[in-house]
N, C-alpha and C. Protein backbone atom coordinates (compact mmCIF):
# COMPACT_ATOMS: atom_id res chain seq x y z
N MET A 1 130.98 179.22 -28.58
CA MET A 1 130.65 177.96 -29.23
C MET A 1 129.37 177.37 -28.60
N LEU A 2 129.24 177.51 -27.30
CA LEU A 2 128.04 177.00 -26.64
C LEU A 2 126.79 177.72 -27.11
N ILE A 3 126.88 179.03 -27.25
CA ILE A 3 125.73 179.81 -27.74
C ILE A 3 125.38 179.38 -29.16
N ARG A 4 126.39 179.20 -30.00
CA ARG A 4 126.13 178.75 -31.37
C ARG A 4 125.48 177.37 -31.36
N PHE A 5 126.02 176.45 -30.58
CA PHE A 5 125.48 175.10 -30.50
C PHE A 5 124.01 175.12 -30.09
N VAL A 6 123.71 175.84 -29.03
CA VAL A 6 122.33 175.89 -28.52
C VAL A 6 121.41 176.52 -29.56
N SER A 7 121.83 177.64 -30.17
CA SER A 7 120.96 178.31 -31.13
C SER A 7 120.70 177.46 -32.37
N GLU A 8 121.66 176.62 -32.75
CA GLU A 8 121.51 175.80 -33.95
C GLU A 8 120.77 174.48 -33.69
N GLN A 9 120.89 173.92 -32.50
CA GLN A 9 120.41 172.55 -32.31
C GLN A 9 119.32 172.39 -31.26
N VAL A 10 118.89 173.48 -30.64
CA VAL A 10 117.89 173.38 -29.58
C VAL A 10 116.72 174.31 -29.88
N ASN A 11 115.50 173.83 -29.67
CA ASN A 11 114.31 174.67 -29.76
C ASN A 11 114.06 175.26 -28.38
N THR A 12 113.77 176.55 -28.35
CA THR A 12 113.50 177.21 -27.07
C THR A 12 112.09 177.78 -27.07
N ASN A 13 111.58 178.01 -25.88
CA ASN A 13 110.29 178.67 -25.71
C ASN A 13 110.48 180.16 -25.95
N THR A 14 109.39 180.91 -26.02
CA THR A 14 109.48 182.36 -26.25
C THR A 14 110.26 183.07 -25.16
N ASP A 15 110.30 182.50 -23.96
CA ASP A 15 111.06 183.12 -22.87
C ASP A 15 112.53 182.70 -22.88
N GLY A 16 112.94 181.89 -23.89
CA GLY A 16 114.32 181.46 -24.00
C GLY A 16 114.64 180.17 -23.28
N SER A 17 113.69 179.59 -22.59
CA SER A 17 113.94 178.34 -21.87
C SER A 17 113.92 177.15 -22.84
N PHE A 18 114.57 176.09 -22.42
CA PHE A 18 114.68 174.87 -23.24
C PHE A 18 113.30 174.30 -23.53
N HIS A 19 113.09 173.93 -24.79
CA HIS A 19 111.86 173.26 -25.18
C HIS A 19 112.14 171.84 -25.64
N SER A 20 113.05 171.69 -26.64
CA SER A 20 113.38 170.36 -27.16
C SER A 20 114.63 170.44 -28.03
N VAL A 21 115.21 169.28 -28.28
CA VAL A 21 116.33 169.18 -29.21
C VAL A 21 115.73 169.09 -30.61
N ARG A 22 116.31 169.82 -31.55
CA ARG A 22 115.80 169.81 -32.92
C ARG A 22 115.98 168.45 -33.55
N ASP A 23 115.03 168.08 -34.36
CA ASP A 23 115.11 166.86 -35.15
C ASP A 23 116.26 167.00 -36.13
N GLY A 24 117.01 165.94 -36.35
CA GLY A 24 118.15 165.98 -37.26
C GLY A 24 117.79 166.45 -38.65
N LYS A 25 116.55 166.23 -39.08
CA LYS A 25 116.11 166.66 -40.41
C LYS A 25 116.02 168.18 -40.52
N GLU A 26 115.95 168.86 -39.39
CA GLU A 26 115.88 170.32 -39.37
C GLU A 26 117.26 170.96 -39.48
N LEU A 27 118.32 170.19 -39.24
CA LEU A 27 119.67 170.74 -39.20
C LEU A 27 120.28 170.75 -40.59
N ASN A 28 121.03 171.79 -40.91
CA ASN A 28 121.73 171.81 -42.19
C ASN A 28 123.18 171.39 -42.00
N SER A 29 123.91 171.32 -43.08
CA SER A 29 125.27 170.77 -43.02
C SER A 29 126.29 171.69 -42.39
N THR A 30 125.92 172.91 -42.07
CA THR A 30 126.88 173.84 -41.49
C THR A 30 126.75 173.99 -39.97
N VAL A 31 125.85 173.22 -39.34
CA VAL A 31 125.73 173.33 -37.88
C VAL A 31 127.03 172.90 -37.21
N LEU A 32 127.23 173.39 -36.00
CA LEU A 32 128.46 173.09 -35.27
C LEU A 32 128.57 171.58 -35.02
N ASN A 33 129.61 170.99 -35.57
CA ASN A 33 129.89 169.56 -35.40
C ASN A 33 130.92 169.32 -34.32
N ASN A 34 131.89 170.23 -34.25
CA ASN A 34 133.01 170.06 -33.35
C ASN A 34 133.53 171.45 -32.98
N PRO A 35 133.51 171.82 -31.71
CA PRO A 35 133.96 173.17 -31.34
C PRO A 35 135.43 173.44 -31.66
N VAL A 36 136.23 172.41 -31.84
CA VAL A 36 137.63 172.59 -32.21
C VAL A 36 137.75 172.98 -33.69
N GLU A 37 136.80 172.54 -34.49
CA GLU A 37 136.77 172.82 -35.93
C GLU A 37 135.42 173.45 -36.28
N PRO A 38 135.16 174.70 -35.89
CA PRO A 38 133.83 175.28 -36.07
C PRO A 38 133.39 175.46 -37.52
N GLU A 39 134.31 175.48 -38.46
CA GLU A 39 133.93 175.63 -39.87
C GLU A 39 133.73 174.28 -40.57
N SER A 40 134.00 173.20 -39.86
CA SER A 40 133.82 171.86 -40.40
C SER A 40 132.34 171.65 -40.75
N THR A 41 132.10 170.95 -41.85
CA THR A 41 130.73 170.67 -42.28
C THR A 41 130.54 169.18 -42.49
N PHE A 42 129.30 168.77 -42.72
CA PHE A 42 129.05 167.37 -43.03
C PHE A 42 128.13 167.26 -44.22
N ARG A 43 128.24 166.13 -44.91
CA ARG A 43 127.34 165.86 -46.03
C ARG A 43 127.37 164.38 -46.35
N LYS A 44 126.40 163.96 -47.11
CA LYS A 44 126.33 162.59 -47.58
C LYS A 44 126.66 162.62 -49.06
N LYS A 45 127.64 161.82 -49.47
CA LYS A 45 128.06 161.77 -50.86
C LYS A 45 128.32 160.32 -51.21
N ALA A 46 127.77 159.88 -52.31
CA ALA A 46 127.91 158.49 -52.77
C ALA A 46 127.48 157.51 -51.68
N GLY A 47 126.42 157.88 -50.94
CA GLY A 47 125.87 157.00 -49.92
C GLY A 47 126.66 156.93 -48.63
N GLU A 48 127.70 157.75 -48.50
CA GLU A 48 128.52 157.73 -47.28
C GLU A 48 128.48 159.10 -46.61
N ASN A 49 128.56 159.10 -45.28
CA ASN A 49 128.62 160.35 -44.52
C ASN A 49 130.06 160.85 -44.48
N HIS A 50 130.22 162.15 -44.68
CA HIS A 50 131.54 162.77 -44.65
C HIS A 50 131.46 164.00 -43.76
N GLN A 51 132.46 164.18 -42.93
CA GLN A 51 132.53 165.33 -42.04
C GLN A 51 133.91 165.95 -42.17
N GLY A 52 133.97 167.26 -42.17
CA GLY A 52 135.26 167.94 -42.17
C GLY A 52 135.45 168.86 -43.35
N TYR A 53 136.53 168.59 -44.08
CA TYR A 53 136.96 169.47 -45.16
C TYR A 53 137.25 168.65 -46.41
N VAL A 54 137.45 169.36 -47.52
CA VAL A 54 137.79 168.71 -48.77
C VAL A 54 138.92 169.52 -49.43
N GLY A 55 139.81 168.81 -50.11
CA GLY A 55 140.91 169.47 -50.79
C GLY A 55 140.84 169.24 -52.28
N ASN A 56 141.41 170.15 -53.03
CA ASN A 56 141.45 170.05 -54.48
C ASN A 56 142.86 170.40 -54.94
N PHE A 57 143.42 169.58 -55.80
CA PHE A 57 144.76 169.81 -56.33
C PHE A 57 144.70 169.87 -57.85
N ALA A 58 145.52 170.74 -58.42
CA ALA A 58 145.64 170.82 -59.88
C ALA A 58 147.12 170.67 -60.23
N GLU A 59 147.37 169.96 -61.31
CA GLU A 59 148.76 169.79 -61.73
C GLU A 59 148.93 170.23 -63.16
N THR A 60 150.13 170.65 -63.49
CA THR A 60 150.50 171.00 -64.84
C THR A 60 151.36 169.88 -65.39
N VAL A 61 151.08 169.51 -66.64
CA VAL A 61 151.84 168.47 -67.31
C VAL A 61 152.56 169.09 -68.50
N ASP A 62 153.88 168.94 -68.53
CA ASP A 62 154.67 169.39 -69.68
C ASP A 62 154.60 168.28 -70.72
N LEU A 63 153.96 168.55 -71.84
CA LEU A 63 153.75 167.51 -72.86
C LEU A 63 155.06 167.07 -73.51
N ASP A 64 156.08 167.92 -73.51
CA ASP A 64 157.35 167.54 -74.12
C ASP A 64 158.13 166.56 -73.25
N THR A 65 158.10 166.78 -71.93
CA THR A 65 158.90 165.94 -71.03
C THR A 65 158.06 164.99 -70.18
N ASN A 66 156.74 165.17 -70.22
CA ASN A 66 155.80 164.42 -69.39
C ASN A 66 156.03 164.65 -67.89
N ARG A 67 156.70 165.73 -67.55
CA ARG A 67 156.89 166.08 -66.15
C ARG A 67 155.61 166.71 -65.62
N LYS A 68 155.31 166.37 -64.38
CA LYS A 68 154.08 166.86 -63.76
C LYS A 68 154.43 167.54 -62.45
N ILE A 69 153.72 168.64 -62.18
CA ILE A 69 153.94 169.34 -60.92
C ILE A 69 152.60 169.88 -60.42
N ILE A 70 152.34 169.68 -59.13
CA ILE A 70 151.15 170.27 -58.53
C ILE A 70 151.42 171.75 -58.39
N ASP A 71 150.59 172.55 -59.04
CA ASP A 71 150.83 173.99 -59.02
C ASP A 71 149.69 174.79 -58.40
N SER A 72 148.67 174.09 -57.93
CA SER A 72 147.55 174.79 -57.33
C SER A 72 146.83 173.84 -56.37
N PHE A 73 146.36 174.39 -55.25
CA PHE A 73 145.57 173.58 -54.33
C PHE A 73 144.60 174.48 -53.60
N ASP A 74 143.54 173.89 -53.08
CA ASP A 74 142.55 174.62 -52.31
C ASP A 74 141.99 173.70 -51.24
N PHE A 75 141.55 174.28 -50.15
CA PHE A 75 141.07 173.54 -48.99
C PHE A 75 139.82 174.26 -48.51
N GLN A 76 138.67 173.56 -48.45
CA GLN A 76 137.39 174.18 -48.11
C GLN A 76 136.58 173.23 -47.24
N PRO A 77 135.53 173.75 -46.57
CA PRO A 77 134.58 172.85 -45.90
C PRO A 77 134.02 171.87 -46.93
N ASN A 78 133.72 170.65 -46.52
CA ASN A 78 133.39 169.61 -47.50
C ASN A 78 132.06 169.79 -48.23
N ILE A 79 131.34 170.86 -47.99
CA ILE A 79 130.14 171.14 -48.78
C ILE A 79 130.48 171.97 -50.03
N TYR A 80 131.75 172.29 -50.20
CA TYR A 80 132.21 173.04 -51.37
C TYR A 80 132.16 172.11 -52.58
N SER A 81 131.49 172.50 -53.62
CA SER A 81 131.27 171.60 -54.76
C SER A 81 132.48 171.49 -55.67
N ASP A 82 132.58 170.36 -56.37
CA ASP A 82 133.64 170.17 -57.36
C ASP A 82 133.52 171.22 -58.46
N SER A 83 132.30 171.53 -58.85
CA SER A 83 132.08 172.53 -59.89
C SER A 83 132.62 173.89 -59.46
N LYS A 84 132.46 174.24 -58.19
CA LYS A 84 132.99 175.51 -57.68
C LYS A 84 134.52 175.48 -57.66
N PHE A 85 135.11 174.34 -57.30
CA PHE A 85 136.56 174.21 -57.37
C PHE A 85 137.04 174.46 -58.81
N ALA A 86 136.33 173.90 -59.79
CA ALA A 86 136.71 174.10 -61.20
C ALA A 86 136.61 175.57 -61.57
N LYS A 87 135.54 176.22 -61.16
CA LYS A 87 135.37 177.65 -61.45
C LYS A 87 136.52 178.46 -60.86
N ASP A 88 136.90 178.12 -59.63
CA ASP A 88 138.03 178.81 -58.98
C ASP A 88 139.32 178.60 -59.76
N GLU A 89 139.55 177.37 -60.21
CA GLU A 89 140.77 177.06 -60.96
C GLU A 89 140.80 177.79 -62.29
N ILE A 90 139.65 177.87 -62.95
CA ILE A 90 139.55 178.62 -64.22
C ILE A 90 139.93 180.08 -63.98
N GLN A 91 139.43 180.66 -62.88
CA GLN A 91 139.77 182.05 -62.56
C GLN A 91 141.27 182.23 -62.31
N LYS A 92 141.88 181.28 -61.57
CA LYS A 92 143.33 181.36 -61.32
C LYS A 92 144.10 181.31 -62.64
N MET A 93 143.69 180.38 -63.51
CA MET A 93 144.38 180.24 -64.79
C MET A 93 144.22 181.50 -65.63
N ALA A 94 143.02 182.09 -65.61
CA ALA A 94 142.76 183.30 -66.38
C ALA A 94 143.62 184.45 -65.87
N GLU A 95 143.74 184.59 -64.54
CA GLU A 95 144.56 185.65 -63.96
C GLU A 95 146.03 185.49 -64.33
N GLU A 96 146.47 184.24 -64.49
CA GLU A 96 147.87 183.98 -64.86
C GLU A 96 148.09 184.03 -66.36
N GLY A 97 147.00 184.20 -67.12
CA GLY A 97 147.11 184.28 -68.57
C GLY A 97 147.30 182.94 -69.24
N ASP A 98 146.98 181.86 -68.55
CA ASP A 98 147.12 180.53 -69.13
C ASP A 98 146.03 180.30 -70.18
N GLU A 99 146.46 180.03 -71.40
CA GLU A 99 145.53 179.61 -72.45
C GLU A 99 145.92 178.19 -72.79
N THR A 100 145.16 177.25 -72.27
CA THR A 100 145.56 175.86 -72.34
C THR A 100 144.33 174.97 -72.22
N THR A 101 144.57 173.72 -71.94
CA THR A 101 143.50 172.75 -71.75
C THR A 101 143.48 172.35 -70.28
N LEU A 102 142.29 172.35 -69.70
CA LEU A 102 142.09 171.91 -68.33
C LEU A 102 141.26 170.63 -68.39
N VAL A 103 141.83 169.53 -67.90
CA VAL A 103 141.16 168.24 -67.91
C VAL A 103 140.70 167.94 -66.49
N ALA A 104 139.43 167.59 -66.34
CA ALA A 104 138.89 167.32 -65.01
C ALA A 104 137.85 166.20 -65.10
N ASP A 105 137.60 165.54 -63.97
CA ASP A 105 136.59 164.49 -64.01
C ASP A 105 135.20 165.12 -64.14
N GLY A 106 134.22 164.30 -64.43
CA GLY A 106 132.88 164.77 -64.77
C GLY A 106 132.22 165.64 -63.73
N ALA A 107 132.54 165.47 -62.47
CA ALA A 107 131.89 166.25 -61.42
C ALA A 107 132.28 167.73 -61.48
N TYR A 108 133.36 168.07 -62.14
CA TYR A 108 133.84 169.44 -62.24
C TYR A 108 133.25 170.18 -63.43
N ILE A 109 132.59 169.46 -64.32
CA ILE A 109 132.15 170.02 -65.59
C ILE A 109 130.71 170.51 -65.50
N SER A 110 130.49 171.69 -66.02
CA SER A 110 129.14 172.24 -66.18
C SER A 110 129.17 173.14 -67.40
N VAL A 111 128.01 173.43 -67.94
CA VAL A 111 127.94 174.33 -69.10
C VAL A 111 128.52 175.69 -68.74
N ASP A 112 128.20 176.19 -67.54
CA ASP A 112 128.74 177.48 -67.11
C ASP A 112 130.27 177.45 -67.05
N ASN A 113 130.83 176.37 -66.51
CA ASN A 113 132.29 176.28 -66.41
C ASN A 113 132.94 176.18 -67.79
N ILE A 114 132.33 175.42 -68.69
CA ILE A 114 132.86 175.30 -70.05
C ILE A 114 132.86 176.67 -70.73
N ASN A 115 131.74 177.39 -70.60
CA ASN A 115 131.64 178.71 -71.23
C ASN A 115 132.62 179.71 -70.61
N GLU A 116 132.74 179.70 -69.28
CA GLU A 116 133.67 180.62 -68.62
C GLU A 116 135.11 180.32 -69.03
N ALA A 117 135.44 179.05 -69.09
CA ALA A 117 136.79 178.67 -69.51
C ALA A 117 137.06 179.18 -70.93
N ALA A 118 136.11 178.97 -71.83
CA ALA A 118 136.27 179.39 -73.22
C ALA A 118 136.48 180.90 -73.33
N GLU A 119 135.80 181.68 -72.48
CA GLU A 119 135.96 183.14 -72.48
C GLU A 119 137.40 183.54 -72.19
N HIS A 120 138.13 182.68 -71.49
CA HIS A 120 139.52 182.98 -71.12
C HIS A 120 140.52 182.19 -71.96
N GLY A 121 140.07 181.59 -73.06
CA GLY A 121 140.97 180.84 -73.92
C GLY A 121 141.39 179.51 -73.35
N ILE A 122 140.59 178.97 -72.43
CA ILE A 122 140.90 177.68 -71.79
C ILE A 122 139.88 176.67 -72.28
N GLN A 123 140.36 175.53 -72.73
CA GLN A 123 139.45 174.45 -73.14
C GLN A 123 139.25 173.53 -71.94
N LEU A 124 138.03 173.43 -71.46
CA LEU A 124 137.70 172.56 -70.33
C LEU A 124 137.21 171.23 -70.88
N VAL A 125 137.93 170.16 -70.54
CA VAL A 125 137.62 168.83 -71.04
C VAL A 125 137.25 167.94 -69.88
N GLY A 126 136.11 167.30 -69.97
CA GLY A 126 135.67 166.39 -68.92
C GLY A 126 135.94 164.95 -69.28
N THR A 127 136.35 164.19 -68.29
CA THR A 127 136.53 162.76 -68.49
C THR A 127 135.25 162.05 -68.06
N ALA A 128 135.19 160.77 -68.25
CA ALA A 128 134.03 159.99 -67.82
C ALA A 128 134.08 159.70 -66.33
N MET A 129 135.16 160.07 -65.67
CA MET A 129 135.28 159.81 -64.24
C MET A 129 134.37 160.76 -63.47
N THR A 130 133.62 160.22 -62.53
CA THR A 130 132.74 161.05 -61.71
C THR A 130 132.97 160.78 -60.24
N GLY A 131 134.15 160.35 -59.87
CA GLY A 131 134.47 160.13 -58.47
C GLY A 131 134.13 158.74 -57.98
N LYS A 132 133.61 157.88 -58.84
CA LYS A 132 133.29 156.51 -58.45
C LYS A 132 134.52 155.64 -58.60
N GLU A 133 134.52 154.52 -57.92
CA GLU A 133 135.64 153.58 -57.99
C GLU A 133 135.82 153.11 -59.43
N THR A 134 137.04 153.19 -59.94
CA THR A 134 137.33 152.76 -61.30
C THR A 134 138.55 151.85 -61.30
N PRO A 135 138.63 150.96 -62.28
CA PRO A 135 139.82 150.09 -62.36
C PRO A 135 141.02 150.91 -62.79
N ASP A 136 142.22 150.43 -62.43
CA ASP A 136 143.43 151.09 -62.86
C ASP A 136 143.60 150.89 -64.36
N LEU A 137 143.69 151.97 -65.10
CA LEU A 137 143.86 151.92 -66.55
C LEU A 137 145.01 152.85 -66.92
N THR A 138 145.75 152.46 -67.93
CA THR A 138 146.77 153.36 -68.45
C THR A 138 146.61 153.41 -69.96
N ALA A 139 146.98 154.54 -70.53
CA ALA A 139 146.87 154.69 -71.98
C ALA A 139 147.86 155.75 -72.42
N ASP A 140 148.36 155.58 -73.63
CA ASP A 140 149.22 156.58 -74.23
C ASP A 140 148.36 157.37 -75.21
N PHE A 141 148.45 158.68 -75.16
CA PHE A 141 147.72 159.49 -76.11
C PHE A 141 148.53 160.73 -76.41
N GLU A 142 148.22 161.32 -77.56
CA GLU A 142 148.89 162.55 -77.98
C GLU A 142 147.83 163.58 -78.29
N ILE A 143 148.13 164.83 -77.97
CA ILE A 143 147.23 165.92 -78.28
C ILE A 143 147.73 166.59 -79.55
N ASP A 144 146.86 166.67 -80.54
CA ASP A 144 147.18 167.35 -81.79
C ASP A 144 147.27 168.84 -81.50
N GLU A 145 148.42 169.46 -81.75
CA GLU A 145 148.63 170.86 -81.42
C GLU A 145 147.68 171.78 -82.19
N GLU A 146 147.28 171.38 -83.38
CA GLU A 146 146.41 172.23 -84.17
C GLU A 146 144.96 172.19 -83.68
N THR A 147 144.45 171.00 -83.44
CA THR A 147 143.05 170.86 -83.03
C THR A 147 142.88 170.79 -81.52
N LYS A 148 143.99 170.58 -80.81
CA LYS A 148 143.98 170.42 -79.33
C LYS A 148 143.13 169.22 -78.91
N ARG A 149 143.06 168.21 -79.74
CA ARG A 149 142.30 167.00 -79.41
C ARG A 149 143.19 165.78 -79.54
C-alpha cells in the first residue's frame, strides 16, 4: 500500500528520490484514499464530494398483487456510472429470459441502453427523476397490457 501511495501521489527525481507531492489536480479518482479500502474511489456529484462505494438495487413488481421484491443488487466503487448499472441489469434480465419493462430514473437511460434492452425484448422506460431532491408524490397508474404504456 505504501508503494502504491507513493507512486500515485508523489513526484520523484530520476534517481527515485522525493521531489514533491503531486498537485491534487493531477490525481484521478482511483488513487489510494484509504489503505483499509484500497478499491474505494472518490468523485464529485451534484456539487458534493463522495468517497467509497455505490450500490444499485432492482425490484420486481407483480402488477396483479402489487407485491414488490428486491431481486437484484450490485456494489461497485462510486465511479461506476448509473448507465453502466442499467446495462448490467439489462444483461441479467436477458440471461434470465425476462421480457418485460424496466423503469429507471433518467441517469440510467441512454440510447445505447434503450437499444440493447430492445434487442432482448425489454422496454427501458426513463422517468424524469435524475437523482435530484424531489417532493414525495404518489400516483395510481395502470399499464395497458397490449401497448405496455
